[in-house]
């Protein structure tokens, strides 16, 4: 970071806003969030570079990034859906450009032709994004994707529905202006139209490099946005739990404290004012997200092997956080 403060201050503030932090966080808090996110990106790039070196490649690919959180089925499913829809939008844009060029020399299409195109568009299914460790990669011949339509579970479905429920609760009492702000902030990204700044900030191209035609920047932008939001959600849950404890509200369960970080919604006016989360809550949230599950230490019990405390990726909502 430079002397002027965090490089992605407006983007981080918008991501925190979407996660439920409607107050104005301090520069120190935003700087800590940016520093944690940068460490996470550097870790992913380092591991991806090591995985590519094992294959004898000088550049890493999309799979080297996804492989690092392959056990987080919900996050992998959301990322697959994100890449699939990106491919659809790119294909539709290319087809629209081709149609615009042909329209200058061909006759305009009739309504019958438009009906045929609409019916074919309805029949088009979302393309599946297969990974090297999927079942489809075990076969020497290419198998039609229709075979795996019913057998491939959508692990991200439950997490996506829960995310939609939370977004619906937050936006239920919004006015038109407030919802316009919400919709604008949802598009906050570290990489969109900031490729040069992001590469300098993260060390992409110095720590590790990738092929120009890969979706690495989109994947990193997707993951960094989820990391900032997850840090904010856990920090708000810790703050709500601490405020409830200080007010001697013993009847408030832990689960309710985690689900109600904003005291009645984003824009609900309440007498119970909540201060903005500070760097202490962000640090506590990061420490909670770094706690390893007990099953990772099961094989080390009764041995003299040292327990490593390496940096872990910030987990998603699907993975439990121990309080």
C-alpha atoms as a PDB file:
ATOM      1  CA  UNK A   1       0.000   0.000   0.000  1.00  0.00           C
ATOM      2  CA  UNK A   2       1.100   3.516  -0.704  1.00  0.00           C
ATOM      3  CA  UNK A   3       1.248   6.449   1.687  1.00  0.00           C
ATOM      4  CA  UNK A   4      -2.198   7.700   0.660  1.00  0.00           C
ATOM      5  CA  UNK A   5      -3.961   4.723   2.198  1.00  0.00           C
ATOM      6  CA  UNK A   6      -5.539   1.592   0.776  1.00  0.00           C
ATOM      7  CA  UNK A   7      -5.569   1.297  -2.996  1.00  0.00           C
ATOM      8  CA  UNK A   8      -9.032  -0.259  -3.142  1.00  0.00           C
ATOM      9  CA  UNK A   9     -10.778   1.789  -0.477  1.00  0.00           C
ATOM     10  CA  UNK A  10     -14.061   2.492  -2.367  1.00  0.00           C
ATOM     11  CA  UNK A  11     -14.297  -1.078  -3.635  1.00  0.00           C
ATOM     12  CA  UNK A  12     -13.756  -2.583  -0.167  1.00  0.00           C
ATOM     13  CA  UNK A  13     -16.213  -0.158   1.409  1.00  0.00           C
ATOM     14  CA  UNK A  14     -18.854  -1.115  -1.155  1.00  0.00           C
ATOM     15  CA  UNK A  15     -18.259  -4.842  -0.571  1.00  0.00           C
ATOM     16  CA  UNK A  16     -18.554  -4.329   3.174  1.00  0.00           C
ATOM     17  CA  UNK A  17     -21.772  -2.407   2.577  1.00  0.00           C
ATOM     18  CA  UNK A  18     -23.259  -5.361   0.708  1.00  0.00           C
ATOM     19  CA  UNK A  19     -22.210  -7.659   3.563  1.00  0.00           C
ATOM     20  CA  UNK A  20     -24.149  -5.536   6.064  1.00  0.00           C
ATOM     21  CA  UNK A  21     -21.761  -2.788   7.214  1.00  0.00           C
ATOM     22  CA  UNK A  22     -23.817   0.327   6.453  1.00  0.00           C
ATOM     23  CA  UNK A  23     -21.705   2.558   8.713  1.00  0.00           C
ATOM     24  CA  UNK A  24     -18.529   4.237   7.511  1.00  0.00           C
ATOM     25  CA  UNK A  25     -15.558   2.079   8.545  1.00  0.00           C
ATOM     26  CA  UNK A  26     -12.308   3.793   9.373  1.00  0.00           C
ATOM     27  CA  UNK A  27      -9.297   3.875   7.087  1.00  0.00           C
ATOM     28  CA  UNK A  28      -7.477   1.587   9.509  1.00  0.00           C
ATOM     29  CA  UNK A  29     -10.229  -1.031   9.202  1.00  0.00           C
ATOM     30  CA  UNK A  30     -10.270  -0.874   5.411  1.00  0.00           C
ATOM     31  CA  UNK A  31      -6.476  -1.066   5.319  1.00  0.00           C
ATOM     32  CA  UNK A  32      -6.525  -4.205   7.458  1.00  0.00           C
ATOM     33  CA  UNK A  33      -9.151  -5.822   5.223  1.00  0.00           C
ATOM     34  CA  UNK A  34      -7.069  -4.969   2.162  1.00  0.00           C
ATOM     35  CA  UNK A  35      -3.901  -6.349   3.762  1.00  0.00           C
ATOM     36  CA  UNK A  36      -5.613  -9.628   4.691  1.00  0.00           C
ATOM     37  CA  UNK A  37      -7.068  -9.947   1.202  1.00  0.00           C
ATOM     38  CA  UNK A  38      -3.692  -9.279  -0.395  1.00  0.00           C
ATOM     39  CA  UNK A  39      -2.055 -11.963   1.757  1.00  0.00           C
ATOM     40  CA  UNK A  40      -4.741 -14.383   0.627  1.00  0.00           C
ATOM     41  CA  UNK A  41      -4.125 -13.552  -3.041  1.00  0.00           C
ATOM     42  CA  UNK A  42      -0.350 -13.909  -2.631  1.00  0.00           C
ATOM     43  CA  UNK A  43      -0.907 -17.306  -1.007  1.00  0.00           C
ATOM     44  CA  UNK A  44      -3.106 -18.467  -3.885  1.00  0.00           C
ATOM     45  CA  UNK A  45      -0.621 -17.265  -6.495  1.00  0.00           C
ATOM     46  CA  UNK A  46       2.296 -18.950  -4.722  1.00  0.00           C
ATOM     47  CA  UNK A  47       0.502 -22.287  -4.426  1.00  0.00           C
ATOM     48  CA  UNK A  48      -0.732 -22.054  -8.026  1.00  0.00           C
ATOM     49  CA  UNK A  49       2.815 -21.393  -9.232  1.00  0.00           C
ATOM     50  CA  UNK A  50       4.076 -24.430  -7.301  1.00  0.00           C
ATOM     51  CA  UNK A  51       1.349 -26.630  -8.780  1.00  0.00           C
ATOM     52  CA  UNK A  52       2.208 -25.437 -12.280  1.00  0.00           C
ATOM     53  CA  UNK A  53       5.914 -26.107 -11.669  1.00  0.00           C
ATOM     54  CA  UNK A  54       5.106 -29.708 -10.771  1.00  0.00           C
ATOM     55  CA  UNK A  55       3.529 -30.103 -14.196  1.00  0.00           C
ATOM     56  CA  UNK A  56       6.553 -28.533 -15.825  1.00  0.00           C
ATOM     57  CA  UNK A  57       4.662 -25.397 -16.827  1.00  0.00           C
ATOM     58  CA  UNK A  58       5.908 -21.843 -16.429  1.00  0.00           C
ATOM     59  CA  UNK A  59       2.414 -20.371 -16.126  1.00  0.00           C
ATOM     60  CA  UNK A  60      -0.507 -21.491 -13.998  1.00  0.00           C
ATOM     61  CA  UNK A  61      -4.069 -22.064 -15.146  1.00  0.00           C
ATOM     62  CA  UNK A  62      -7.588 -21.659 -13.790  1.00  0.00           C
ATOM     63  CA  UNK A  63      -7.538 -25.187 -12.393  1.00  0.00           C
ATOM     64  CA  UNK A  64      -4.491 -24.395 -10.249  1.00  0.00           C
ATOM     65  CA  UNK A  65      -6.559 -21.787  -8.424  1.00  0.00           C
ATOM     66  CA  UNK A  66      -9.742 -23.844  -8.132  1.00  0.00           C
ATOM     67  CA  UNK A  67      -7.779 -26.865  -6.902  1.00  0.00           C
ATOM     68  CA  UNK A  68      -6.833 -24.988  -3.728  1.00  0.00           C
ATOM     69  CA  UNK A  69     -10.443 -24.847  -2.484  1.00  0.00           C
ATOM     70  CA  UNK A  70     -11.743 -28.018  -4.170  1.00  0.00           C
ATOM     71  CA  UNK A  71     -13.114 -29.276  -0.831  1.00  0.00           C
ATOM     72  CA  UNK A  72     -15.385 -26.223  -0.556  1.00  0.00           C
ATOM     73  CA  UNK A  73     -18.118 -27.630  -2.799  1.00  0.00           C
ATOM     74  CA  UNK A  74     -20.383 -24.591  -2.490  1.00  0.00           C
ATOM     75  CA  UNK A  75     -17.675 -22.153  -3.570  1.00  0.00           C
ATOM     76  CA  UNK A  76     -16.602 -24.379  -6.475  1.00  0.00           C
ATOM     77  CA  UNK A  77     -20.227 -24.610  -7.582  1.00  0.00           C
ATOM     78  CA  UNK A  78     -20.695 -20.828  -7.474  1.00  0.00           C
ATOM     79  CA  UNK A  79     -17.488 -20.313  -9.416  1.00  0.00           C
ATOM     80  CA  UNK A  80     -18.556 -22.868 -12.025  1.00  0.00           C
ATOM     81  CA  UNK A  81     -21.839 -21.064 -12.441  1.00  0.00           C
ATOM     82  CA  UNK A  82     -20.011 -17.736 -12.711  1.00  0.00           C
ATOM     83  CA  UNK A  83     -17.675 -19.017 -15.447  1.00  0.00           C
ATOM     84  CA  UNK A  84     -20.528 -20.723 -17.304  1.00  0.00           C
ATOM     85  CA  UNK A  85     -22.591 -17.548 -17.483  1.00  0.00           C
ATOM     86  CA  UNK A  86     -19.536 -15.569 -18.497  1.00  0.00           C
ATOM     87  CA  UNK A  87     -19.072 -17.965 -21.411  1.00  0.00           C
ATOM     88  CA  UNK A  88     -22.740 -17.557 -22.364  1.00  0.00           C
ATOM     89  CA  UNK A  89     -22.521 -13.758 -22.330  1.00  0.00           C
ATOM     90  CA  UNK A  90     -19.368 -13.845 -24.435  1.00  0.00           C
ATOM     91  CA  UNK A  91     -20.978 -16.203 -26.958  1.00  0.00           C
ATOM     92  CA  UNK A  92     -24.113 -14.071 -27.166  1.00  0.00           C
ATOM     93  CA  UNK A  93     -22.048 -10.914 -27.664  1.00  0.00           C
ATOM     94  CA  UNK A  94     -20.078 -12.522 -30.495  1.00  0.00           C
ATOM     95  CA  UNK A  95     -23.263 -13.768 -32.135  1.00  0.00           C
ATOM     96  CA  UNK A  96     -24.867 -10.329 -31.871  1.00  0.00           C
ATOM     97  CA  UNK A  97     -21.816  -8.749 -33.513  1.00  0.00           C
ATOM     98  CA  UNK A  98     -22.009 -11.272 -36.350  1.00  0.00           C
ATOM     99  CA  UNK A  99     -25.725 -10.627 -36.810  1.00  0.00           C
ATOM    100  CA  UNK A 100     -25.098  -6.881 -36.922  1.00  0.00           C
ATOM    101  CA  UNK A 101     -22.569  -7.358 -39.726  1.00  0.00           C
ATOM    102  CA  UNK A 102     -24.887  -9.637 -41.686  1.00  0.00           C
ATOM    103  CA  UNK A 103     -27.847  -7.291 -41.261  1.00  0.00           C
ATOM    104  CA  UNK A 104     -26.196  -4.773 -43.587  1.00  0.00           C
ATOM    105  CA  UNK A 105     -26.268  -7.189 -46.548  1.00  0.00           C
ATOM    106  CA  UNK A 106     -29.182  -9.507 -45.717  1.00  0.00           C
ATOM    107  CA  UNK A 107     -32.909  -8.892 -45.547  1.00  0.00           C
ATOM    108  CA  UNK A 108     -34.431  -8.258 -42.126  1.00  0.00           C
ATOM    109  CA  UNK A 109     -35.640 -11.350 -40.333  1.00  0.00           C
ATOM    110  CA  UNK A 110     -39.351 -12.088 -40.139  1.00  0.00           C
ATOM    111  CA  UNK A 111     -41.307 -12.771 -36.988  1.00  0.00           C
ATOM    112  CA  UNK A 112     -41.266 -16.491 -37.780  1.00  0.00           C
ATOM    113  CA  UNK A 113     -37.491 -16.500 -37.723  1.00  0.00           C
ATOM    114  CA  UNK A 114     -37.494 -14.663 -34.412  1.00  0.00           C
ATOM    115  CA  UNK A 115     -39.841 -17.242 -32.937  1.00  0.00           C
ATOM    116  CA  UNK A 116     -37.518 -20.042 -34.027  1.00  0.00           C
ATOM    117  CA  UNK A 117     -34.556 -18.274 -32.449  1.00  0.00           C
ATOM    118  CA  UNK A 118     -36.430 -17.750 -29.186  1.00  0.00           C
ATOM    119  CA  UNK A 119     -37.480 -21.394 -29.028  1.00  0.00           C
ATOM    120  CA  UNK A 120     -33.921 -22.544 -29.675  1.00  0.00           C
ATOM    121  CA  UNK A 121     -32.647 -20.181 -26.987  1.00  0.00           C
ATOM    122  CA  UNK A 122     -35.050 -21.726 -24.477  1.00  0.00           C
ATOM    123  CA  UNK A 123     -33.727 -25.180 -25.294  1.00  0.00           C
ATOM    124  CA  UNK A 124     -30.144 -24.073 -24.753  1.00  0.00           C
ATOM    125  CA  UNK A 125     -28.758 -25.301 -21.454  1.00  0.00           C
ATOM    126  CA  UNK A 126     -26.091 -23.757 -19.309  1.00  0.00           C
ATOM    127  CA  UNK A 127     -22.718 -25.201 -20.364  1.00  0.00           C
ATOM    128  CA  UNK A 128     -20.999 -27.328 -17.754  1.00  0.00           C
ATOM    129  CA  UNK A 129     -17.489 -26.416 -16.605  1.00  0.00           C
ATOM    130  CA  UNK A 130     -15.612 -29.683 -16.066  1.00  0.00           C
ATOM    131  CA  UNK A 131     -12.529 -29.880 -13.864  1.00  0.00           C
ATOM    132  CA  UNK A 132      -9.654 -32.386 -14.148  1.00  0.00           C
ATOM    133  CA  UNK A 133     -10.734 -34.157 -10.949  1.00  0.00           C
ATOM    134  CA  UNK A 134     -14.360 -34.587 -12.086  1.00  0.00           C
ATOM    135  CA  UNK A 135     -15.787 -37.970 -13.036  1.00  0.00           C
ATOM    136  CA  UNK A 136     -16.006 -36.943 -16.687  1.00  0.00           C
ATOM    137  CA  UNK A 137     -12.215 -36.615 -16.872  1.00  0.00           C
ATOM    138  CA  UNK A 138     -11.755 -40.269 -15.893  1.00  0.00           C
ATOM    139  CA  UNK A 139     -12.927 -41.507 -19.297  1.00  0.00           C
ATOM    140  CA  UNK A 140     -10.707 -41.501 -22.405  1.00  0.00           C
ATOM    141  CA  UNK A 141     -13.596 -40.540 -24.687  1.00  0.00           C
ATOM    142  CA  UNK A 142     -15.569 -37.338 -24.456  1.00  0.00           C
ATOM    143  CA  UNK A 143     -18.947 -38.030 -22.892  1.00  0.00           C
ATOM    144  CA  UNK A 144     -21.957 -35.815 -23.690  1.00  0.00           C
ATOM    145  CA  UNK A 145     -22.753 -33.386 -20.926  1.00  0.00           C
ATOM    146  CA  UNK A 146     -26.364 -34.619 -20.856  1.00  0.00           C
ATOM    147  CA  UNK A 147     -25.173 -37.815 -19.180  1.00  0.00           C
ATOM    148  CA  UNK A 148     -24.048 -35.851 -16.117  1.00  0.00           C
ATOM    149  CA  UNK A 149     -27.016 -33.476 -15.957  1.00  0.00           C
ATOM    150  CA  UNK A 150     -28.861 -35.614 -13.397  1.00  0.00           C
ATOM    151  CA  UNK A 151     -25.815 -37.161 -11.752  1.00  0.00           C
ATOM    152  CA  UNK A 152     -23.856 -33.970 -11.121  1.00  0.00           C
ATOM    153  CA  UNK A 153     -25.135 -32.465  -7.836  1.00  0.00           C
ATOM    154  CA  UNK A 154     -25.437 -28.717  -7.511  1.00  0.00           C
ATOM    155  CA  UNK A 155     -23.616 -28.265  -4.217  1.00  0.00           C
ATOM    156  CA  UNK A 156     -23.942 -24.506  -4.417  1.00  0.00           C
ATOM    157  CA  UNK A 157     -27.743 -24.603  -4.618  1.00  0.00           C
ATOM    158  CA  UNK A 158     -28.362 -24.539  -0.872  1.00  0.00           C
ATOM    159  CA  UNK A 159     -25.698 -21.882  -0.246  1.00  0.00           C
ATOM    160  CA  UNK A 160     -27.038 -19.770  -3.124  1.00  0.00           C
ATOM    161  CA  UNK A 161     -30.592 -19.956  -1.766  1.00  0.00           C
ATOM    162  CA  UNK A 162     -29.393 -18.931   1.679  1.00  0.00           C
ATOM    163  CA  UNK A 163     -27.520 -16.004   0.146  1.00  0.00           C
ATOM    164  CA  UNK A 164     -30.663 -14.947  -1.727  1.00  0.00           C
ATOM    165  CA  UNK A 165     -32.701 -15.136   1.480  1.00  0.00           C
ATOM    166  CA  UNK A 166     -30.250 -12.862   3.274  1.00  0.00           C
ATOM    167  CA  UNK A 167     -30.242 -10.410   0.363  1.00  0.00           C
ATOM    168  CA  UNK A 168     -34.046 -10.415   0.358  1.00  0.00           C
ATOM    169  CA  UNK A 169     -34.147  -9.659   4.083  1.00  0.00           C
ATOM    170  CA  UNK A 170     -31.702  -6.793   3.649  1.00  0.00           C
ATOM    171  CA  UNK A 171     -33.503  -5.206   0.680  1.00  0.00           C
ATOM    172  CA  UNK A 172     -37.099  -5.743   1.826  1.00  0.00           C
ATOM    173  CA  UNK A 173     -37.556  -2.309   3.423  1.00  0.00           C
ATOM    174  CA  UNK A 174     -35.435  -0.324   0.977  1.00  0.00           C
ATOM    175  CA  UNK A 175     -36.625   2.683  -0.962  1.00  0.00           C
ATOM    176  CA  UNK A 176     -35.974   3.067  -4.680  1.00  0.00           C
ATOM    177  CA  UNK A 177     -32.893   5.222  -4.065  1.00  0.00           C
ATOM    178  CA  UNK A 178     -31.515   2.831  -1.467  1.00  0.00           C
ATOM    179  CA  UNK A 179     -32.024  -0.146  -3.753  1.00  0.00           C
ATOM    180  CA  UNK A 180     -30.281   1.710  -6.591  1.00  0.00           C
ATOM    181  CA  UNK A 181     -27.281   2.193  -4.301  1.00  0.00           C
ATOM    182  CA  UNK A 182     -27.408  -1.472  -3.310  1.00  0.00           C
ATOM    183  CA  UNK A 183     -27.506  -2.577  -6.962  1.00  0.00           C
ATOM    184  CA  UNK A 184     -24.575  -0.325  -7.833  1.00  0.00           C
ATOM    185  CA  UNK A 185     -22.424  -1.560  -4.960  1.00  0.00           C
ATOM    186  CA  UNK A 186     -23.049  -5.209  -5.831  1.00  0.00           C
ATOM    187  CA  UNK A 187     -20.807  -4.772  -8.880  1.00  0.00           C
ATOM    188  CA  UNK A 188     -17.759  -3.738  -6.842  1.00  0.00           C
ATOM    189  CA  UNK A 189     -14.655  -5.633  -7.934  1.00  0.00           C
ATOM    190  CA  UNK A 190     -10.888  -5.574  -7.505  1.00  0.00           C
ATOM    191  CA  UNK A 191     -10.253  -6.466 -11.142  1.00  0.00           C
ATOM    192  CA  UNK A 192     -12.994  -4.910 -13.282  1.00  0.00           C
ATOM    193  CA  UNK A 193     -11.287  -2.147 -15.294  1.00  0.00           C
ATOM    194  CA  UNK A 194      -8.442  -2.116 -12.758  1.00  0.00           C
ATOM    195  CA  UNK A 195      -6.200  -4.811 -14.215  1.00  0.00           C
ATOM    196  CA  UNK A 196      -2.949  -2.836 -14.020  1.00  0.00           C
ATOM    197  CA  UNK A 197      -3.573  -1.673 -10.455  1.00  0.00           C
ATOM    198  CA  UNK A 198      -4.554  -5.181  -9.350  1.00  0.00           C
ATOM    199  CA  UNK A 199      -1.477  -6.781 -10.916  1.00  0.00           C
ATOM    200  CA  UNK A 200       0.838  -4.313  -9.174  1.00  0.00           C
ATOM    201  CA  UNK A 201      -1.008  -4.693  -5.876  1.00  0.00           C
ATOM    202  CA  UNK A 202      -1.152  -8.506  -5.828  1.00  0.00           C
ATOM    203  CA  UNK A 203       2.185  -9.290  -7.484  1.00  0.00           C
ATOM    204  CA  UNK A 204       0.550 -11.054 -10.415  1.00  0.00           C
ATOM    205  CA  UNK A 205       3.238 -11.365 -13.064  1.00  0.00           C
ATOM    206  CA  UNK A 206       6.018 -11.269 -10.451  1.00  0.00           C
ATOM    207  CA  UNK A 207       5.048 -14.071  -8.073  1.00  0.00           C
ATOM    208  CA  UNK A 208       3.376 -16.068 -10.829  1.00  0.00           C
ATOM    209  CA  UNK A 209       1.979 -15.473 -14.290  1.00  0.00           C
ATOM    210  CA  UNK A 210      -0.832 -16.931 -16.371  1.00  0.00           C
ATOM    211  CA  UNK A 211      -1.925 -17.198 -19.982  1.00  0.00           C
ATOM    212  CA  UNK A 212      -3.603 -14.068 -21.338  1.00  0.00           C
ATOM    213  CA  UNK A 213      -6.712 -15.955 -22.475  1.00  0.00           C
ATOM    214  CA  UNK A 214      -7.416 -17.565 -19.102  1.00  0.00           C
ATOM    215  CA  UNK A 215     -10.107 -16.428 -16.663  1.00  0.00           C
ATOM    216  CA  UNK A 216      -7.603 -15.923 -13.848  1.00  0.00           C
ATOM    217  CA  UNK A 217      -8.450 -12.268 -13.253  1.00  0.00           C
ATOM    218  CA  UNK A 218     -12.173 -12.998 -13.152  1.00  0.00           C
ATOM    219  CA  UNK A 219     -11.620 -15.871 -10.719  1.00  0.00           C
ATOM    220  CA  UNK A 220      -9.431 -13.736  -8.448  1.00  0.00           C
ATOM    221  CA  UNK A 221     -11.958 -10.909  -8.568  1.00  0.00           C
ATOM    222  CA  UNK A 222     -14.729 -13.339  -7.636  1.00  0.00           C
ATOM    223  CA  UNK A 223     -12.754 -14.828  -4.739  1.00  0.00           C
ATOM    224  CA  UNK A 224     -11.527 -11.519  -3.308  1.00  0.00           C
ATOM    225  CA  UNK A 225     -15.071 -10.154  -3.244  1.00  0.00           C
ATOM    226  CA  UNK A 226     -16.263 -13.223  -1.334  1.00  0.00           C
ATOM    227  CA  UNK A 227     -13.356 -12.929   1.096  1.00  0.00           C
ATOM    228  CA  UNK A 228     -14.115  -9.306   1.960  1.00  0.00           C
ATOM    229  CA  UNK A 229     -17.794 -10.039   2.432  1.00  0.00           C
ATOM    230  CA  UNK A 230     -17.117 -13.114   4.563  1.00  0.00           C
ATOM    231  CA  UNK A 231     -14.697 -11.187   6.798  1.00  0.00           C
ATOM    232  CA  UNK A 232     -17.303  -8.458   7.237  1.00  0.00           C
ATOM    233  CA  UNK A 233     -20.105 -10.896   8.051  1.00  0.00           C
ATOM    234  CA  UNK A 234     -18.078 -12.691  10.720  1.00  0.00           C
ATOM    235  CA  UNK A 235     -16.879  -9.364  12.158  1.00  0.00           C
ATOM    236  CA  UNK A 236     -20.473  -8.136  12.387  1.00  0.00           C
ATOM    237  CA  UNK A 237     -21.484 -11.386  14.082  1.00  0.00           C
ATOM    238  CA  UNK A 238     -18.700 -10.968  16.648  1.00  0.00           C
ATOM    239  CA  UNK A 239     -19.726  -7.366  17.259  1.00  0.00           C
ATOM    240  CA  UNK A 240     -23.389  -8.338  17.705  1.00  0.00           C
ATOM    241  CA  UNK A 241     -22.413 -11.097  20.100  1.00  0.00           C
ATOM    242  CA  UNK A 242     -20.211  -8.725  22.104  1.00  0.00           C
ATOM    243  CA  UNK A 243     -22.907  -6.049  22.274  1.00  0.00           C
ATOM    244  CA  UNK A 244     -25.442  -8.623  23.433  1.00  0.00           C
ATOM    245  CA  UNK A 245     -23.019  -9.860  26.067  1.00  0.00           C
ATOM    246  CA  UNK A 246     -22.287  -6.355  27.321  1.00  0.00           C
ATOM    247  CA  UNK A 247     -26.005  -5.677  27.681  1.00  0.00           C
ATOM    248  CA  UNK A 248     -26.407  -8.914  29.649  1.00  0.00           C
ATOM    249  CA  UNK A 249     -28.793 -10.331  27.058  1.00  0.00           C
ATOM    250  CA  UNK A 250     -28.252 -13.961  27.968  1.00  0.00           C
ATOM    251  CA  UNK A 251     -31.355 -15.121  26.091  1.00  0.00           C
ATOM    252  CA  UNK A 252     -29.838 -14.252  22.698  1.00  0.00           C
ATOM    253  CA  UNK A 253     -28.403 -17.496  21.192  1.00  0.00           C
ATOM    254  CA  UNK A 254     -25.183 -17.610  19.223  1.00  0.00           C
ATOM    255  CA  UNK A 255     -26.993 -18.453  15.980  1.00  0.00           C
ATOM    256  CA  UNK A 256     -29.287 -15.429  16.311  1.00  0.00           C
ATOM    257  CA  UNK A 257     -26.304 -13.161  16.909  1.00  0.00           C
ATOM    258  CA  UNK A 258     -24.690 -14.372  13.695  1.00  0.00           C
ATOM    259  CA  UNK A 259     -27.830 -13.968  11.584  1.00  0.00           C
ATOM    260  CA  UNK A 260     -28.720 -10.462  12.803  1.00  0.00           C
ATOM    261  CA  UNK A 261     -25.604  -8.320  12.489  1.00  0.00           C
ATOM    262  CA  UNK A 262     -27.407  -5.135  11.431  1.00  0.00           C
ATOM    263  CA  UNK A 263     -30.189  -5.038  14.074  1.00  0.00           C
ATOM    264  CA  UNK A 264     -33.287  -5.322  11.894  1.00  0.00           C
ATOM    265  CA  UNK A 265     -31.911  -4.916   8.407  1.00  0.00           C
ATOM    266  CA  UNK A 266     -29.654  -2.576   6.521  1.00  0.00           C
ATOM    267  CA  UNK A 267     -31.924   0.463   6.424  1.00  0.00           C
ATOM    268  CA  UNK A 268     -34.214  -0.206   9.373  1.00  0.00           C
ATOM    269  CA  UNK A 269     -34.192   2.686  11.808  1.00  0.00           C
ATOM    270  CA  UNK A 270     -33.622   1.481  15.337  1.00  0.00           C
ATOM    271  CA  UNK A 271     -32.904   3.057  18.681  1.00  0.00           C
ATOM    272  CA  UNK A 272     -30.173   0.497  19.280  1.00  0.00           C
ATOM    273  CA  UNK A 273     -27.452   2.274  17.355  1.00  0.00           C
ATOM    274  CA  UNK A 274     -24.517   0.208  16.233  1.00  0.00           C
ATOM    275  CA  UNK A 275     -21.045   1.682  15.733  1.00  0.00           C
ATOM    276  CA  UNK A 276     -18.980   0.770  12.713  1.00  0.00           C
ATOM    277  CA  UNK A 277     -16.809  -2.299  13.067  1.00  0.00           C
ATOM    278  CA  UNK A 278     -13.189  -1.468  13.771  1.00  0.00           C
ATOM    279  CA  UNK A 279      -9.951  -3.269  13.036  1.00  0.00           C
ATOM    280  CA  UNK A 280     -10.232  -5.323  16.229  1.00  0.00           C
ATOM    281  CA  UNK A 281     -13.358  -7.089  14.977  1.00  0.00           C
ATOM    282  CA  UNK A 282     -11.748  -7.708  11.594  1.00  0.00           C
ATOM    283  CA  UNK A 283      -8.710  -9.232  13.302  1.00  0.00           C
ATOM    284  CA  UNK A 284     -10.920 -11.460  15.462  1.00  0.00           C
ATOM    285  CA  UNK A 285     -12.918 -12.525  12.413  1.00  0.00           C
ATOM    286  CA  UNK A 286      -9.750 -13.447  10.559  1.00  0.00           C
ATOM    287  CA  UNK A 287      -8.528 -15.478  13.528  1.00  0.00           C
ATOM    288  CA  UNK A 288     -11.849 -17.331  13.690  1.00  0.00           C
ATOM    289  CA  UNK A 289     -11.678 -18.131   9.988  1.00  0.00           C
ATOM    290  CA  UNK A 290      -8.135 -19.450  10.411  1.00  0.00           C
ATOM    291  CA  UNK A 291      -9.154 -22.088  12.966  1.00  0.00           C
ATOM    292  CA  UNK A 292      -8.599 -25.533  11.487  1.00  0.00           C
ATOM    293  CA  UNK A 293     -11.255 -28.229  11.900  1.00  0.00           C
ATOM    294  CA  UNK A 294     -10.533 -30.898  14.463  1.00  0.00           C
ATOM    295  CA  UNK A 295     -10.430 -33.628  11.836  1.00  0.00           C
ATOM    296  CA  UNK A 296      -7.224 -32.114  10.439  1.00  0.00           C
ATOM    297  CA  UNK A 297      -5.474 -32.878  13.746  1.00  0.00           C
ATOM    298  CA  UNK A 298      -6.981 -36.332  14.257  1.00  0.00           C
ATOM    299  CA  UNK A 299      -4.048 -38.208  12.715  1.00  0.00           C
ATOM    300  CA  UNK A 300      -1.543 -36.177  14.752  1.00  0.00           C
ATOM    301  CA  UNK A 301      -2.926 -37.138  18.158  1.00  0.00           C
ATOM    302  CA  UNK A 302      -0.430 -39.160  20.180  1.00  0.00           C
ATOM    303  CA  UNK A 303       2.459 -38.331  17.863  1.00  0.00           C
ATOM    304  CA  UNK A 304       5.415 -35.995  18.122  1.00  0.00           C
ATOM    305  CA  UNK A 305       4.847 -34.434  14.735  1.00  0.00           C
ATOM    306  CA  UNK A 306       4.565 -30.656  14.906  1.00  0.00           C
ATOM    307  CA  UNK A 307       1.188 -29.129  14.139  1.00  0.00           C
ATOM    308  CA  UNK A 308       1.664 -26.631  11.330  1.00  0.00           C
ATOM    309  CA  UNK A 309      -0.186 -23.351  11.497  1.00  0.00           C
ATOM    310  CA  UNK A 310       0.042 -22.272   7.889  1.00  0.00           C
ATOM    311  CA  UNK A 311      -2.091 -19.510   6.436  1.00  0.00           C
ATOM    312  CA  UNK A 312      -5.484 -20.829   5.303  1.00  0.00           C
ATOM    313  CA  UNK A 313      -7.858 -19.421   2.735  1.00  0.00           C
ATOM    314  CA  UNK A 314     -10.849 -17.577   4.143  1.00  0.00           C
ATOM    315  CA  UNK A 315     -13.641 -20.145   4.117  1.00  0.00           C
ATOM    316  CA  UNK A 316     -17.104 -19.567   2.748  1.00  0.00           C
ATOM    317  CA  UNK A 317     -20.458 -19.680   4.503  1.00  0.00           C
ATOM    318  CA  UNK A 318     -20.810 -23.394   3.880  1.00  0.00           C
ATOM    319  CA  UNK A 319     -17.946 -24.165   6.277  1.00  0.00           C
ATOM    320  CA  UNK A 320     -18.703 -23.789   9.950  1.00  0.00           C
ATOM    321  CA  UNK A 321     -16.879 -21.298  12.135  1.00  0.00           C
ATOM    322  CA  UNK A 322     -16.159 -22.373  15.695  1.00  0.00           C
ATOM    323  CA  UNK A 323     -17.139 -19.826  18.309  1.00  0.00           C
END
